[in-house]
Amino acid sequence: MKKFISIFTVVLFMSSFSFAQKYAYVDTEYILSKIPSYENAQTKLDNLSKVWQKEIEAKYKLVEEKYKEYQTESALLSPQMKKQKEDEIIKLEDEANNLREKYFGDEGELFKKRQELIKPIQDEVYNAIKEVATEGNYGFIFDKAGSMSLIYTDAKYDVSDDILKKMGYN
């Protein structure tokens, strides 16, 4: 019986604590779409990505052309010439793969450029969210744009515009 009472007391205490918390949510996609520097940075990244993708595609096309050429000539080539052509094709394919990794790999140029252009904006948004949370005495602020799914949201708890105002964008 004492165990039941103590558990009941803990549950009651925790539920009263949770009612004291204030909750809100933000839509970071909406916030970022209202920041011109984010849109500019995203456009720069998209353009760089397209240029790099074309360069990589050109490398792979060259590999494909060399391979077709090799297939056509292979019956006429000596074993030594075949080996030489195969090595050349493998080398070109490795170069194309290395270029793709250089630009689009986990620590590639696109990642570094994204860190350079987007991260400062995301940090600014985070700091504004933190300030609004502190000033509004919110215990939690959820991001409805993130992977967490919110089944229902009441617009009165959306503080996205407060974040934009805090950052100087209206």
N, C-alpha and C. Protein backbone atom coordinates (compact mmCIF):
# COMPACT_ATOMS: atom_id res chain seq x y z
N MET A 1 0.81 -1.18 0.00
CA MET A 1 0.00 0.00 0.00
C MET A 1 0.86 1.25 0.00
N LYS A 2 1.95 1.24 0.82
CA LYS A 2 2.84 2.40 0.85
C LYS A 2 3.48 2.62 -0.51
N LYS A 3 3.79 1.50 -1.18
CA LYS A 3 4.41 1.59 -2.50
C LYS A 3 3.44 2.26 -3.48
N PHE A 4 2.16 1.88 -3.42
CA PHE A 4 1.14 2.45 -4.27
C PHE A 4 0.99 3.95 -4.03
N ILE A 5 0.98 4.35 -2.79
CA ILE A 5 0.83 5.76 -2.43
C ILE A 5 2.05 6.56 -2.91
N SER A 6 3.23 6.00 -2.73
CA SER A 6 4.43 6.72 -3.17
C SER A 6 4.47 6.84 -4.69
N ILE A 7 4.08 5.79 -5.40
CA ILE A 7 4.02 5.86 -6.87
C ILE A 7 2.97 6.88 -7.30
N PHE A 8 1.81 6.86 -6.65
CA PHE A 8 0.75 7.81 -6.97
C PHE A 8 1.22 9.25 -6.73
N THR A 9 1.96 9.47 -5.65
CA THR A 9 2.48 10.80 -5.34
C THR A 9 3.47 11.25 -6.40
N VAL A 10 4.36 10.36 -6.81
CA VAL A 10 5.34 10.70 -7.84
C VAL A 10 4.64 11.04 -9.16
N VAL A 11 3.68 10.24 -9.56
CA VAL A 11 2.92 10.48 -10.80
C VAL A 11 2.19 11.80 -10.71
N LEU A 12 1.56 12.07 -9.59
CA LEU A 12 0.84 13.33 -9.39
C LEU A 12 1.80 14.51 -9.47
N PHE A 13 2.95 14.40 -8.83
CA PHE A 13 3.96 15.46 -8.86
C PHE A 13 4.45 15.71 -10.27
N MET A 14 4.74 14.63 -10.98
CA MET A 14 5.26 14.77 -12.35
C MET A 14 4.21 15.35 -13.29
N SER A 15 2.96 14.96 -13.10
CA SER A 15 1.92 15.50 -13.97
C SER A 15 1.70 16.98 -13.69
N SER A 16 1.80 17.40 -12.44
CA SER A 16 1.65 18.82 -12.15
C SER A 16 2.83 19.60 -12.69
N PHE A 17 4.00 18.98 -12.69
CA PHE A 17 5.19 19.63 -13.26
C PHE A 17 5.04 19.80 -14.77
N SER A 18 4.48 18.79 -15.42
CA SER A 18 4.34 18.88 -16.88
C SER A 18 3.30 19.92 -17.27
N PHE A 19 2.28 20.14 -16.42
CA PHE A 19 1.30 21.17 -16.73
C PHE A 19 1.89 22.56 -16.59
N ALA A 20 2.93 22.70 -15.82
CA ALA A 20 3.56 24.01 -15.63
C ALA A 20 4.42 24.40 -16.83
N GLN A 21 4.78 23.42 -17.66
CA GLN A 21 5.60 23.70 -18.82
C GLN A 21 4.76 24.35 -19.92
N LYS A 22 5.39 25.27 -20.64
CA LYS A 22 4.75 25.86 -21.80
C LYS A 22 5.39 25.25 -23.03
N TYR A 23 4.58 25.00 -24.04
CA TYR A 23 5.05 24.39 -25.26
C TYR A 23 4.78 25.32 -26.43
N ALA A 24 5.59 25.21 -27.45
CA ALA A 24 5.38 25.96 -28.68
C ALA A 24 6.04 25.18 -29.79
N TYR A 25 5.80 25.62 -31.01
CA TYR A 25 6.48 24.99 -32.13
C TYR A 25 6.87 26.06 -33.13
N VAL A 26 7.83 25.72 -33.96
CA VAL A 26 8.27 26.60 -35.04
C VAL A 26 8.29 25.78 -36.33
N ASP A 27 8.30 26.47 -37.42
CA ASP A 27 8.45 25.85 -38.73
C ASP A 27 9.73 26.43 -39.34
N THR A 28 10.83 25.72 -39.19
CA THR A 28 12.12 26.26 -39.65
C THR A 28 12.15 26.42 -41.17
N GLU A 29 11.42 25.59 -41.90
CA GLU A 29 11.36 25.77 -43.36
C GLU A 29 10.74 27.12 -43.69
N TYR A 30 9.67 27.46 -42.98
CA TYR A 30 9.00 28.75 -43.17
C TYR A 30 9.95 29.89 -42.79
N ILE A 31 10.61 29.75 -41.66
CA ILE A 31 11.53 30.79 -41.19
C ILE A 31 12.64 31.00 -42.21
N LEU A 32 13.27 29.91 -42.63
CA LEU A 32 14.38 30.03 -43.58
C LEU A 32 13.93 30.59 -44.92
N SER A 33 12.70 30.29 -45.33
CA SER A 33 12.21 30.80 -46.61
C SER A 33 12.01 32.32 -46.58
N LYS A 34 11.91 32.88 -45.38
CA LYS A 34 11.72 34.33 -45.23
C LYS A 34 13.04 35.08 -45.08
N ILE A 35 14.15 34.37 -45.07
CA ILE A 35 15.46 35.00 -44.90
C ILE A 35 16.16 35.05 -46.26
N PRO A 36 16.32 36.25 -46.82
CA PRO A 36 16.91 36.38 -48.16
C PRO A 36 18.32 35.77 -48.27
N SER A 37 19.13 35.90 -47.24
CA SER A 37 20.49 35.36 -47.32
C SER A 37 20.48 33.83 -47.42
N TYR A 38 19.47 33.19 -46.84
CA TYR A 38 19.34 31.74 -46.95
C TYR A 38 19.00 31.35 -48.38
N GLU A 39 18.06 32.06 -48.96
CA GLU A 39 17.67 31.78 -50.35
C GLU A 39 18.87 31.99 -51.29
N ASN A 40 19.65 33.05 -51.06
CA ASN A 40 20.84 33.29 -51.88
C ASN A 40 21.86 32.17 -51.71
N ALA A 41 22.08 31.76 -50.49
CA ALA A 41 23.04 30.69 -50.21
C ALA A 41 22.57 29.39 -50.87
N GLN A 42 21.28 29.10 -50.78
CA GLN A 42 20.75 27.88 -51.38
C GLN A 42 20.90 27.91 -52.90
N THR A 43 20.68 29.08 -53.51
CA THR A 43 20.86 29.22 -54.96
C THR A 43 22.32 29.00 -55.35
N LYS A 44 23.25 29.56 -54.57
CA LYS A 44 24.68 29.34 -54.84
C LYS A 44 25.02 27.86 -54.76
N LEU A 45 24.53 27.19 -53.75
CA LEU A 45 24.79 25.75 -53.59
C LEU A 45 24.21 24.95 -54.75
N ASP A 46 23.01 25.30 -55.16
CA ASP A 46 22.38 24.59 -56.28
C ASP A 46 23.18 24.78 -57.57
N ASN A 47 23.63 26.00 -57.80
CA ASN A 47 24.42 26.28 -59.01
C ASN A 47 25.75 25.54 -58.99
N LEU A 48 26.43 25.56 -57.86
CA LEU A 48 27.68 24.82 -57.74
C LEU A 48 27.46 23.33 -57.96
N SER A 49 26.41 22.82 -57.39
CA SER A 49 26.09 21.41 -57.53
C SER A 49 25.86 21.03 -58.99
N LYS A 50 25.16 21.87 -59.72
CA LYS A 50 24.91 21.61 -61.14
C LYS A 50 26.21 21.60 -61.94
N VAL A 51 27.08 22.56 -61.67
CA VAL A 51 28.37 22.64 -62.38
C VAL A 51 29.19 21.38 -62.10
N TRP A 52 29.27 21.00 -60.84
CA TRP A 52 30.05 19.83 -60.46
C TRP A 52 29.44 18.56 -61.04
N GLN A 53 28.11 18.48 -61.04
CA GLN A 53 27.44 17.30 -61.58
C GLN A 53 27.73 17.15 -63.07
N LYS A 54 27.73 18.26 -63.81
CA LYS A 54 28.04 18.21 -65.24
C LYS A 54 29.47 17.74 -65.46
N GLU A 55 30.39 18.21 -64.64
CA GLU A 55 31.79 17.80 -64.75
C GLU A 55 31.94 16.30 -64.52
N ILE A 56 31.24 15.79 -63.52
CA ILE A 56 31.29 14.36 -63.21
C ILE A 56 30.66 13.55 -64.33
N GLU A 57 29.52 14.01 -64.83
CA GLU A 57 28.85 13.31 -65.92
C GLU A 57 29.74 13.25 -67.16
N ALA A 58 30.48 14.32 -67.44
CA ALA A 58 31.39 14.33 -68.58
C ALA A 58 32.49 13.28 -68.40
N LYS A 59 32.99 13.13 -67.18
CA LYS A 59 34.00 12.10 -66.90
C LYS A 59 33.44 10.71 -67.14
N TYR A 60 32.25 10.46 -66.63
CA TYR A 60 31.64 9.14 -66.81
C TYR A 60 31.31 8.87 -68.29
N LYS A 61 30.93 9.90 -69.01
CA LYS A 61 30.65 9.74 -70.44
C LYS A 61 31.93 9.35 -71.17
N LEU A 62 33.05 9.96 -70.79
CA LEU A 62 34.33 9.61 -71.39
C LEU A 62 34.67 8.15 -71.11
N VAL A 63 34.42 7.71 -69.88
CA VAL A 63 34.65 6.30 -69.52
C VAL A 63 33.81 5.39 -70.41
N GLU A 64 32.55 5.75 -70.57
CA GLU A 64 31.65 4.95 -71.39
C GLU A 64 32.12 4.90 -72.85
N GLU A 65 32.54 6.03 -73.38
CA GLU A 65 33.03 6.08 -74.76
C GLU A 65 34.28 5.22 -74.93
N LYS A 66 35.19 5.32 -73.98
CA LYS A 66 36.42 4.51 -74.03
C LYS A 66 36.10 3.03 -73.95
N TYR A 67 35.12 2.68 -73.14
CA TYR A 67 34.74 1.28 -72.99
C TYR A 67 34.13 0.74 -74.29
N LYS A 68 33.25 1.53 -74.92
CA LYS A 68 32.64 1.12 -76.19
C LYS A 68 33.72 0.98 -77.27
N GLU A 69 34.64 1.91 -77.27
CA GLU A 69 35.76 1.86 -78.21
C GLU A 69 36.58 0.58 -77.98
N TYR A 70 36.82 0.28 -76.73
CA TYR A 70 37.57 -0.93 -76.36
C TYR A 70 36.84 -2.18 -76.84
N GLN A 71 35.52 -2.23 -76.61
CA GLN A 71 34.74 -3.40 -77.03
C GLN A 71 34.80 -3.60 -78.54
N THR A 72 34.77 -2.50 -79.28
CA THR A 72 34.82 -2.59 -80.73
C THR A 72 36.17 -3.08 -81.22
N GLU A 73 37.24 -2.61 -80.58
CA GLU A 73 38.59 -2.93 -81.02
C GLU A 73 39.17 -4.19 -80.37
N SER A 74 38.54 -4.70 -79.33
CA SER A 74 39.17 -5.76 -78.53
C SER A 74 39.56 -7.00 -79.33
N ALA A 75 38.80 -7.35 -80.34
CA ALA A 75 39.13 -8.53 -81.14
C ALA A 75 40.43 -8.36 -81.92
N LEU A 76 40.77 -7.12 -82.20
CA LEU A 76 41.96 -6.83 -83.00
C LEU A 76 43.20 -6.54 -82.15
N LEU A 77 43.02 -6.39 -80.85
CA LEU A 77 44.13 -5.99 -79.98
C LEU A 77 44.89 -7.20 -79.43
N SER A 78 46.16 -6.96 -79.23
CA SER A 78 46.99 -7.99 -78.58
C SER A 78 46.65 -8.01 -77.09
N PRO A 79 46.97 -9.09 -76.39
CA PRO A 79 46.70 -9.14 -74.94
C PRO A 79 47.34 -7.97 -74.19
N GLN A 80 48.51 -7.57 -74.61
CA GLN A 80 49.18 -6.45 -73.95
C GLN A 80 48.42 -5.14 -74.19
N MET A 81 47.94 -4.93 -75.41
CA MET A 81 47.17 -3.72 -75.72
C MET A 81 45.81 -3.74 -75.01
N LYS A 82 45.22 -4.94 -74.92
CA LYS A 82 43.95 -5.06 -74.18
C LYS A 82 44.14 -4.62 -72.73
N LYS A 83 45.20 -5.14 -72.11
CA LYS A 83 45.50 -4.81 -70.71
C LYS A 83 45.71 -3.31 -70.56
N GLN A 84 46.42 -2.72 -71.50
CA GLN A 84 46.70 -1.29 -71.45
C GLN A 84 45.40 -0.48 -71.55
N LYS A 85 44.52 -0.87 -72.47
CA LYS A 85 43.23 -0.17 -72.63
C LYS A 85 42.35 -0.36 -71.38
N GLU A 86 42.33 -1.57 -70.85
CA GLU A 86 41.55 -1.83 -69.64
C GLU A 86 42.04 -0.98 -68.47
N ASP A 87 43.35 -0.90 -68.32
CA ASP A 87 43.93 -0.08 -67.25
C ASP A 87 43.56 1.39 -67.43
N GLU A 88 43.57 1.84 -68.68
CA GLU A 88 43.22 3.24 -68.98
C GLU A 88 41.76 3.51 -68.59
N ILE A 89 40.88 2.58 -68.92
CA ILE A 89 39.46 2.73 -68.60
C ILE A 89 39.26 2.72 -67.08
N ILE A 90 39.93 1.80 -66.41
CA ILE A 90 39.83 1.72 -64.95
C ILE A 90 40.33 3.00 -64.30
N LYS A 91 41.42 3.53 -64.82
CA LYS A 91 41.98 4.77 -64.29
C LYS A 91 40.98 5.93 -64.47
N LEU A 92 40.38 6.02 -65.65
CA LEU A 92 39.40 7.08 -65.90
C LEU A 92 38.17 6.94 -64.99
N GLU A 93 37.74 5.70 -64.78
CA GLU A 93 36.60 5.47 -63.90
C GLU A 93 36.94 5.83 -62.46
N ASP A 94 38.14 5.50 -62.02
CA ASP A 94 38.58 5.89 -60.67
C ASP A 94 38.62 7.40 -60.52
N GLU A 95 39.10 8.09 -61.56
CA GLU A 95 39.14 9.55 -61.52
C GLU A 95 37.73 10.13 -61.39
N ALA A 96 36.79 9.56 -62.13
CA ALA A 96 35.40 10.03 -62.05
C ALA A 96 34.82 9.78 -60.65
N ASN A 97 35.08 8.60 -60.10
CA ASN A 97 34.60 8.28 -58.75
C ASN A 97 35.24 9.19 -57.70
N ASN A 98 36.52 9.46 -57.84
CA ASN A 98 37.21 10.35 -56.90
C ASN A 98 36.68 11.78 -57.00
N LEU A 99 36.37 12.20 -58.21
CA LEU A 99 35.82 13.55 -58.40
C LEU A 99 34.44 13.65 -57.74
N ARG A 100 33.63 12.59 -57.93
CA ARG A 100 32.31 12.59 -57.30
C ARG A 100 32.45 12.65 -55.78
N GLU A 101 33.38 11.88 -55.24
CA GLU A 101 33.61 11.87 -53.78
C GLU A 101 34.13 13.23 -53.32
N LYS A 102 35.00 13.83 -54.12
CA LYS A 102 35.58 15.13 -53.76
C LYS A 102 34.49 16.20 -53.65
N TYR A 103 33.55 16.18 -54.56
CA TYR A 103 32.50 17.21 -54.56
C TYR A 103 31.32 16.85 -53.65
N PHE A 104 30.87 15.60 -53.69
CA PHE A 104 29.61 15.24 -53.04
C PHE A 104 29.77 14.25 -51.89
N GLY A 105 30.98 13.91 -51.51
CA GLY A 105 31.21 12.97 -50.41
C GLY A 105 30.84 13.58 -49.07
N ASP A 106 30.94 12.75 -48.03
CA ASP A 106 30.57 13.18 -46.68
C ASP A 106 31.32 14.43 -46.23
N GLU A 107 32.57 14.54 -46.60
CA GLU A 107 33.38 15.72 -46.25
C GLU A 107 33.78 16.47 -47.51
N GLY A 108 32.94 16.38 -48.54
CA GLY A 108 33.25 16.97 -49.84
C GLY A 108 33.06 18.48 -49.89
N GLU A 109 33.31 19.00 -51.08
CA GLU A 109 33.24 20.45 -51.30
C GLU A 109 31.82 20.99 -51.05
N LEU A 110 30.80 20.23 -51.45
CA LEU A 110 29.43 20.70 -51.22
C LEU A 110 29.13 20.80 -49.73
N PHE A 111 29.57 19.81 -48.97
CA PHE A 111 29.39 19.84 -47.51
C PHE A 111 30.10 21.05 -46.91
N LYS A 112 31.33 21.29 -47.33
CA LYS A 112 32.10 22.42 -46.79
C LYS A 112 31.45 23.75 -47.17
N LYS A 113 30.98 23.85 -48.40
CA LYS A 113 30.34 25.10 -48.85
C LYS A 113 29.03 25.31 -48.10
N ARG A 114 28.30 24.21 -47.85
CA ARG A 114 27.04 24.32 -47.10
C ARG A 114 27.34 24.80 -45.67
N GLN A 115 28.38 24.27 -45.06
CA GLN A 115 28.79 24.70 -43.72
C GLN A 115 29.13 26.19 -43.72
N GLU A 116 29.81 26.61 -44.76
CA GLU A 116 30.24 28.01 -44.86
C GLU A 116 29.06 28.96 -45.06
N LEU A 117 28.10 28.57 -45.91
CA LEU A 117 27.01 29.48 -46.27
C LEU A 117 25.76 29.33 -45.40
N ILE A 118 25.40 28.11 -45.05
CA ILE A 118 24.11 27.87 -44.39
C ILE A 118 24.23 27.81 -42.87
N LYS A 119 25.28 27.23 -42.36
CA LYS A 119 25.41 27.04 -40.91
C LYS A 119 25.29 28.35 -40.12
N PRO A 120 25.92 29.45 -40.55
CA PRO A 120 25.74 30.70 -39.78
C PRO A 120 24.27 31.15 -39.70
N ILE A 121 23.53 30.92 -40.77
CA ILE A 121 22.11 31.30 -40.78
C ILE A 121 21.33 30.39 -39.82
N GLN A 122 21.63 29.09 -39.85
CA GLN A 122 20.97 28.16 -38.95
C GLN A 122 21.31 28.47 -37.50
N ASP A 123 22.54 28.86 -37.24
CA ASP A 123 22.93 29.24 -35.88
C ASP A 123 22.17 30.47 -35.42
N GLU A 124 21.98 31.42 -36.33
CA GLU A 124 21.23 32.64 -36.01
C GLU A 124 19.78 32.29 -35.67
N VAL A 125 19.18 31.38 -36.44
CA VAL A 125 17.81 30.94 -36.17
C VAL A 125 17.75 30.24 -34.81
N TYR A 126 18.70 29.36 -34.55
CA TYR A 126 18.73 28.64 -33.27
C TYR A 126 18.84 29.62 -32.10
N ASN A 127 19.71 30.60 -32.22
CA ASN A 127 19.88 31.58 -31.14
C ASN A 127 18.59 32.38 -30.92
N ALA A 128 17.90 32.73 -32.01
CA ALA A 128 16.64 33.46 -31.88
C ALA A 128 15.58 32.57 -31.21
N ILE A 129 15.55 31.30 -31.57
CA ILE A 129 14.61 30.36 -30.94
C ILE A 129 14.90 30.26 -29.45
N LYS A 130 16.17 30.17 -29.14
CA LYS A 130 16.58 30.07 -27.73
C LYS A 130 16.14 31.32 -26.95
N GLU A 131 16.31 32.50 -27.54
CA GLU A 131 15.90 33.74 -26.87
C GLU A 131 14.39 33.80 -26.68
N VAL A 132 13.64 33.43 -27.72
CA VAL A 132 12.18 33.45 -27.62
C VAL A 132 11.72 32.43 -26.57
N ALA A 133 12.37 31.28 -26.51
CA ALA A 133 12.03 30.26 -25.51
C ALA A 133 12.28 30.78 -24.11
N THR A 134 13.40 31.46 -23.94
CA THR A 134 13.73 31.99 -22.62
C THR A 134 12.76 33.10 -22.24
N GLU A 135 12.54 34.05 -23.16
CA GLU A 135 11.65 35.17 -22.87
C GLU A 135 10.20 34.71 -22.67
N GLY A 136 9.77 33.72 -23.45
CA GLY A 136 8.39 33.23 -23.36
C GLY A 136 8.21 32.15 -22.32
N ASN A 137 9.30 31.79 -21.66
CA ASN A 137 9.27 30.77 -20.62
C ASN A 137 8.73 29.43 -21.13
N TYR A 138 9.19 29.05 -22.34
CA TYR A 138 8.77 27.78 -22.93
C TYR A 138 9.69 26.67 -22.45
N GLY A 139 9.09 25.56 -22.08
CA GLY A 139 9.88 24.40 -21.70
C GLY A 139 10.36 23.64 -22.91
N PHE A 140 9.55 23.63 -23.97
CA PHE A 140 9.88 22.93 -25.20
C PHE A 140 9.42 23.74 -26.39
N ILE A 141 10.24 23.75 -27.44
CA ILE A 141 9.82 24.29 -28.73
C ILE A 141 10.14 23.21 -29.75
N PHE A 142 9.10 22.75 -30.42
CA PHE A 142 9.25 21.71 -31.42
C PHE A 142 9.38 22.33 -32.81
N ASP A 143 10.00 21.61 -33.71
CA ASP A 143 10.12 22.06 -35.10
C ASP A 143 9.20 21.19 -35.94
N LYS A 144 8.17 21.79 -36.50
CA LYS A 144 7.24 20.99 -37.28
C LYS A 144 7.81 20.66 -38.66
N ALA A 145 8.89 21.34 -39.07
CA ALA A 145 9.51 21.05 -40.36
C ALA A 145 10.47 19.87 -40.26
N GLY A 146 10.84 19.50 -39.05
CA GLY A 146 11.81 18.42 -38.85
C GLY A 146 11.20 17.06 -39.06
N SER A 147 11.95 16.04 -38.74
CA SER A 147 11.50 14.67 -38.95
C SER A 147 10.45 14.25 -37.92
N MET A 148 10.36 14.98 -36.82
CA MET A 148 9.35 14.66 -35.83
C MET A 148 7.98 15.04 -36.41
N SER A 149 7.02 14.17 -36.31
CA SER A 149 5.72 14.48 -36.88
C SER A 149 4.79 15.00 -35.79
N LEU A 150 4.16 16.09 -36.11
CA LEU A 150 3.13 16.65 -35.23
C LEU A 150 1.79 16.37 -35.89
N ILE A 151 0.96 15.63 -35.22
CA ILE A 151 -0.32 15.23 -35.79
C ILE A 151 -1.26 16.45 -35.89
N TYR A 152 -1.27 17.25 -34.87
CA TYR A 152 -2.13 18.43 -34.85
C TYR A 152 -1.35 19.58 -34.25
N THR A 153 -1.52 20.75 -34.82
CA THR A 153 -0.90 21.95 -34.26
C THR A 153 -1.93 23.06 -34.24
N ASP A 154 -1.95 23.77 -33.15
CA ASP A 154 -2.81 24.94 -33.01
C ASP A 154 -1.95 26.15 -33.33
N ALA A 155 -2.39 26.98 -34.25
CA ALA A 155 -1.60 28.12 -34.71
C ALA A 155 -1.22 29.08 -33.59
N LYS A 156 -1.98 29.10 -32.50
CA LYS A 156 -1.65 30.02 -31.42
C LYS A 156 -0.33 29.66 -30.73
N TYR A 157 0.14 28.41 -30.92
CA TYR A 157 1.41 27.99 -30.32
C TYR A 157 2.58 28.10 -31.30
N ASP A 158 2.31 28.59 -32.51
CA ASP A 158 3.36 28.74 -33.51
C ASP A 158 4.10 30.05 -33.24
N VAL A 159 5.37 29.96 -32.91
CA VAL A 159 6.17 31.14 -32.60
C VAL A 159 7.15 31.46 -33.73
N SER A 160 6.91 30.94 -34.93
CA SER A 160 7.80 31.16 -36.07
C SER A 160 7.94 32.66 -36.38
N ASP A 161 6.83 33.37 -36.38
CA ASP A 161 6.89 34.81 -36.66
C ASP A 161 7.63 35.57 -35.57
N ASP A 162 7.54 35.10 -34.33
CA ASP A 162 8.30 35.71 -33.24
C ASP A 162 9.81 35.55 -33.48
N ILE A 163 10.18 34.39 -34.00
CA ILE A 163 11.59 34.12 -34.31
C ILE A 163 12.06 35.06 -35.40
N LEU A 164 11.25 35.21 -36.46
CA LEU A 164 11.61 36.12 -37.56
C LEU A 164 11.73 37.55 -37.05
N LYS A 165 10.79 37.96 -36.18
CA LYS A 165 10.83 39.30 -35.62
C LYS A 165 12.10 39.50 -34.80
N LYS A 166 12.46 38.49 -34.00
CA LYS A 166 13.66 38.54 -33.16
C LYS A 166 14.92 38.70 -34.04
N MET A 167 14.87 38.08 -35.24
CA MET A 167 16.03 38.14 -36.14
C MET A 167 16.02 39.41 -37.01
N GLY A 168 14.94 40.17 -36.95
CA GLY A 168 14.87 41.41 -37.72
C GLY A 168 14.21 41.26 -39.07
N TYR A 169 13.54 40.14 -39.33
CA TYR A 169 12.81 39.92 -40.57
C TYR A 169 11.32 39.93 -40.25
N ASN A 170 10.55 40.70 -40.99
CA ASN A 170 9.11 40.75 -40.70
C ASN A 170 8.32 40.32 -41.88
